[in-house]
Structure formats: C-alpha cells, structure tokens
C-alpha cells in the first residue's frame, strides 16, 4: 500500500479554517482515490523546535513527525505565501529534515531517496512559482524525487482579501492540476518501489 503524509505549514492552529489545509486535503483526496493511504498533519499544532537535529530534546514533537515522513512514500508540503516566501514553519520543516541530509540506507542511498516530494501553495498575491521553486530545491537537496507538475496552487488577485478557503467552489484549473499532481505522484512512487535508485 502506497502511503502519503501531508505536512500543512499554515500558521493558523486547529480548529480554525486554513486555506493551506483545504488544498492539502484536496490533494490527499485525489491520492486516496488512487488507492493511497494518507494522513494530514497541521504542523503548527505541534511543538517543532528550531534546529537541524532529528531530536531537539524533551518536548520536541519533531521525532513523531519524522516517523510519519519515514513511513510515507509521498510527502506533501503545503504552505501559504508569506511576504513572497514559504511560511516560517515550512522553512523549519525543511531545516529539521536537513538533519538527515547526510544519512544513507544500508546501500549508501540518500535516506529520502525513495520518496516522492509534492508542494501545495496558497496566497492572496502572486508568488506560487517562487515558493514552489524554493521548496523544490530543498526537497531535491534532501533526496526527494519530484514528478512532473509537482505543485498545485491558487493565488488570488493582487490587493484583494479573498482566501482559498472562502471560495464556494474549487476553480477548474486548480482541480485539474491537483488531479494530475496526484496521478503523477502515485505513478512515480510505484516506479521507485519497483525499481529503487542504484546503490551509491
């Protein structure tokens, strides 16, 4: 069974609504329709300490989230655009994942080398391409594989206040992009399971 985890990096704690959480949920629904078992985690609900270690000591919740990442074949990072960048929480997730950048499996392959990375971005202004580029680079540095069309996003018009969570219906272009993202991710995850990268 292919497994996925969505790490939602909204700055809004549960149970308040979140546009990032809504889009992540749509990605996970598409993945579920393709037979993927998944879990969505709102990172802000956990105490994720700053640092670049796998465990930052008593009370640090990152080790539990790390276990979820390690159990997953597909990892989705969902973030709002803040001042033209991913949220600070999304950056923190990448920094904590960076603790394992030099770790390898028993055959010398990168620890995250068999995992598929995906991105979901929401915002009220442009910036989705820039944010996804930042996250793609981070995920690639860590060893994740990116399928074609590895991002789905929605950004509203400049100088207006509508959030994705406020839309009455999902725009057709977003729905189609999310559907393709899920299909490509599952395809790549299965290929990597059947034919892992060679030993290093």
Protein backbone atom coordinates (compact mmCIF):
# COMPACT_ATOMS: atom_id res chain seq x y z
CA UNK A 1 0.00 0.00 0.00
CA UNK A 2 1.37 3.39 -1.02
CA UNK A 3 1.33 5.86 1.87
CA UNK A 4 1.33 9.66 1.92
CA UNK A 5 1.67 12.33 4.58
CA UNK A 6 0.73 15.99 4.19
CA UNK A 7 2.63 18.44 6.38
CA UNK A 8 0.44 21.55 6.41
CA UNK A 9 2.55 24.58 7.28
CA UNK A 10 -0.19 27.13 7.87
CA UNK A 11 0.41 29.50 10.78
CA UNK A 12 -3.21 29.02 11.86
CA UNK A 13 -3.71 26.45 14.66
CA UNK A 14 -6.57 23.95 14.61
CA UNK A 15 -9.52 24.05 14.60
CA UNK A 16 -9.60 27.38 12.74
CA UNK A 17 -10.02 27.07 8.95
CA UNK A 18 -6.91 27.20 6.79
CA UNK A 19 -6.55 27.62 3.04
CA UNK A 20 -3.37 25.53 3.04
CA UNK A 21 -5.18 22.76 4.90
CA UNK A 22 -8.06 22.88 2.43
CA UNK A 23 -5.80 22.50 -0.61
CA UNK A 24 -3.76 19.78 1.11
CA UNK A 25 -7.00 17.95 1.84
CA UNK A 26 -7.92 18.07 -1.84
CA UNK A 27 -4.55 16.61 -2.80
CA UNK A 28 -4.97 13.84 -0.23
CA UNK A 29 -8.49 13.10 -1.52
CA UNK A 30 -7.14 12.68 -5.04
CA UNK A 31 -4.40 10.41 -3.73
CA UNK A 32 -6.95 8.38 -1.76
CA UNK A 33 -8.94 7.90 -4.96
CA UNK A 34 -5.84 6.28 -6.42
CA UNK A 35 -5.55 3.84 -3.52
CA UNK A 36 -3.09 5.82 -1.38
CA UNK A 37 -3.44 5.69 2.39
CA UNK A 38 -2.70 9.08 3.91
CA UNK A 39 -2.55 11.36 6.92
CA UNK A 40 -2.67 15.15 7.16
CA UNK A 41 -0.76 16.90 9.94
CA UNK A 42 -1.10 20.60 10.77
CA UNK A 43 2.46 21.32 11.89
CA UNK A 44 1.58 24.39 13.97
CA UNK A 45 -0.38 22.13 16.35
CA UNK A 46 2.93 20.52 17.37
CA UNK A 47 5.98 21.84 19.20
CA UNK A 48 8.60 21.76 16.47
CA UNK A 49 11.77 23.25 17.88
CA UNK A 50 14.19 25.25 15.72
CA UNK A 51 17.37 23.41 14.82
CA UNK A 52 18.93 20.91 12.45
CA UNK A 53 18.88 17.80 14.62
CA UNK A 54 16.45 14.89 14.48
CA UNK A 55 15.60 15.38 18.17
CA UNK A 56 15.99 18.75 19.92
CA UNK A 57 15.28 17.37 23.38
CA UNK A 58 12.45 16.96 25.85
CA UNK A 59 9.14 18.21 24.48
CA UNK A 60 10.23 18.37 20.85
CA UNK A 61 7.48 16.87 18.68
CA UNK A 62 9.58 16.57 15.54
CA UNK A 63 10.64 12.93 16.14
CA UNK A 64 6.99 11.87 15.85
CA UNK A 65 6.54 13.78 12.60
CA UNK A 66 9.84 12.37 11.32
CA UNK A 67 8.45 8.87 11.84
CA UNK A 68 5.43 9.80 9.71
CA UNK A 69 7.72 11.09 6.96
CA UNK A 70 9.79 7.92 7.07
CA UNK A 71 6.67 5.75 6.84
CA UNK A 72 5.41 7.64 3.78
CA UNK A 73 6.16 7.10 0.10
CA UNK A 74 4.77 10.55 -0.81
CA UNK A 75 5.40 13.70 1.25
CA UNK A 76 3.37 16.85 0.60
CA UNK A 77 4.45 20.24 1.92
CA UNK A 78 1.52 22.68 1.93
CA UNK A 79 2.23 26.34 2.68
CA UNK A 80 0.81 29.81 2.36
CA UNK A 81 2.80 32.57 0.71
CA UNK A 82 4.07 34.99 3.37
CA UNK A 83 5.91 38.10 2.14
CA UNK A 84 6.82 36.24 -1.04
CA UNK A 85 8.22 33.19 0.77
CA UNK A 86 7.02 29.87 2.21
CA UNK A 87 5.81 30.19 5.78
CA UNK A 88 8.44 30.20 8.52
CA UNK A 89 7.00 26.89 9.68
CA UNK A 90 7.59 25.34 6.26
CA UNK A 91 11.18 26.52 6.37
CA UNK A 92 11.52 24.97 9.81
CA UNK A 93 10.26 21.62 8.48
CA UNK A 94 12.94 21.71 5.77
CA UNK A 95 15.57 22.62 8.36
CA UNK A 96 14.56 19.69 10.56
CA UNK A 97 14.58 17.34 7.58
CA UNK A 98 18.07 18.68 6.84
CA UNK A 99 19.33 16.85 9.94
CA UNK A 100 19.29 13.71 7.77
CA UNK A 101 20.85 15.17 4.62
CA UNK A 102 24.00 13.06 5.07
CA UNK A 103 22.19 9.92 6.24
CA UNK A 104 22.01 6.91 3.93
CA UNK A 105 20.45 3.48 3.90
CA UNK A 106 22.46 0.25 4.06
CA UNK A 107 23.25 0.55 0.34
CA UNK A 108 24.51 4.11 0.56
CA UNK A 109 21.41 5.75 -0.91
CA UNK A 110 20.01 9.02 0.44
CA UNK A 111 17.58 8.46 3.32
CA UNK A 112 14.72 10.18 1.47
CA UNK A 113 15.84 8.91 -1.93
CA UNK A 114 12.88 6.61 -2.49
CA UNK A 115 10.26 9.20 -1.55
CA UNK A 116 8.21 11.50 -3.78
CA UNK A 117 8.01 15.17 -2.83
CA UNK A 118 4.99 17.38 -3.61
CA UNK A 119 4.10 21.01 -2.93
CA UNK A 120 0.81 22.90 -2.46
CA UNK A 121 0.79 26.71 -2.24
CA UNK A 122 -1.95 29.25 -1.48
CA UNK A 123 -1.88 33.03 -1.23
CA UNK A 124 -3.68 36.26 -1.93
CA UNK A 125 -0.99 37.56 -4.27
CA UNK A 126 1.41 36.12 -6.81
CA UNK A 127 4.38 34.13 -5.56
CA UNK A 128 3.39 30.48 -6.00
CA UNK A 129 6.09 29.79 -8.61
CA UNK A 130 8.79 31.36 -6.48
CA UNK A 131 7.67 29.49 -3.35
CA UNK A 132 7.43 26.16 -5.17
CA UNK A 133 10.90 26.73 -6.66
CA UNK A 134 12.32 27.26 -3.16
CA UNK A 135 10.65 24.10 -1.87
CA UNK A 136 11.58 22.05 -4.93
CA UNK A 137 15.24 22.91 -4.38
CA UNK A 138 15.05 21.99 -0.70
CA UNK A 139 13.26 18.71 -1.36
CA UNK A 140 15.69 17.81 -4.14
CA UNK A 141 18.70 18.60 -1.94
CA UNK A 142 17.28 16.23 0.66
CA UNK A 143 16.90 13.43 -1.89
CA UNK A 144 13.17 13.51 -2.66
CA UNK A 145 12.11 12.81 -6.25
CA UNK A 146 9.76 15.27 -7.95
CA UNK A 147 7.23 14.13 -10.56
CA UNK A 148 6.21 16.33 -13.48
CA UNK A 149 3.86 19.02 -12.25
CA UNK A 150 4.86 18.55 -8.60
CA UNK A 151 2.93 21.61 -7.39
CA UNK A 152 -0.69 22.65 -7.20
CA UNK A 153 -1.53 26.20 -6.20
CA UNK A 154 -4.02 29.04 -6.03
CA UNK A 155 -3.29 32.72 -5.63
CA UNK A 156 -5.89 35.46 -5.66
CA UNK A 157 -5.70 38.77 -7.44
CA UNK A 158 -3.41 41.47 -6.07
CA UNK A 159 -4.78 43.80 -3.40
CA UNK A 160 -7.82 41.72 -2.55
CA UNK A 161 -8.69 39.73 0.55
CA UNK A 162 -10.34 36.52 -0.64
CA UNK A 163 -8.74 33.36 0.73
CA UNK A 164 -8.82 29.96 -0.93
CA UNK A 165 -10.84 28.63 1.99
CA UNK A 166 -13.53 31.25 1.20
CA UNK A 167 -14.15 30.10 -2.37
CA UNK A 168 -17.54 28.48 -2.89
CA UNK A 169 -16.10 26.02 -5.40
CA UNK A 170 -12.66 24.85 -6.41
CA UNK A 171 -11.58 26.51 -9.67
CA UNK A 172 -11.47 24.04 -12.55
CA UNK A 173 -7.79 24.72 -13.25
CA UNK A 174 -6.83 24.02 -9.64
CA UNK A 175 -8.89 20.82 -9.57
CA UNK A 176 -7.33 19.59 -12.82
CA UNK A 177 -3.81 20.44 -11.64
CA UNK A 178 -4.38 18.68 -8.31
CA UNK A 179 -5.71 15.59 -10.08
CA UNK A 180 -2.67 15.42 -12.38
CA UNK A 181 -0.30 16.02 -9.46
CA UNK A 182 -1.77 13.05 -7.59
CA UNK A 183 -1.66 10.75 -10.62
CA UNK A 184 1.96 11.60 -11.39
CA UNK A 185 2.99 11.23 -7.74
CA UNK A 186 1.45 7.77 -7.42
CA UNK A 187 2.98 6.69 -10.72
CA UNK A 188 6.45 7.80 -9.62
CA UNK A 189 6.09 6.29 -6.13
CA UNK A 190 5.24 2.91 -7.65
CA UNK A 191 8.16 3.13 -10.08
CA UNK A 192 10.55 3.90 -7.22
CA UNK A 193 9.18 0.99 -5.20
CA UNK A 194 9.56 -1.44 -8.10
CA UNK A 195 12.92 -0.07 -9.25
CA UNK A 196 14.83 1.75 -6.47
CA UNK A 197 17.75 4.01 -7.23
CA UNK A 198 21.07 2.12 -7.54
CA UNK A 199 23.41 1.77 -4.55
CA UNK A 200 25.82 4.66 -4.11
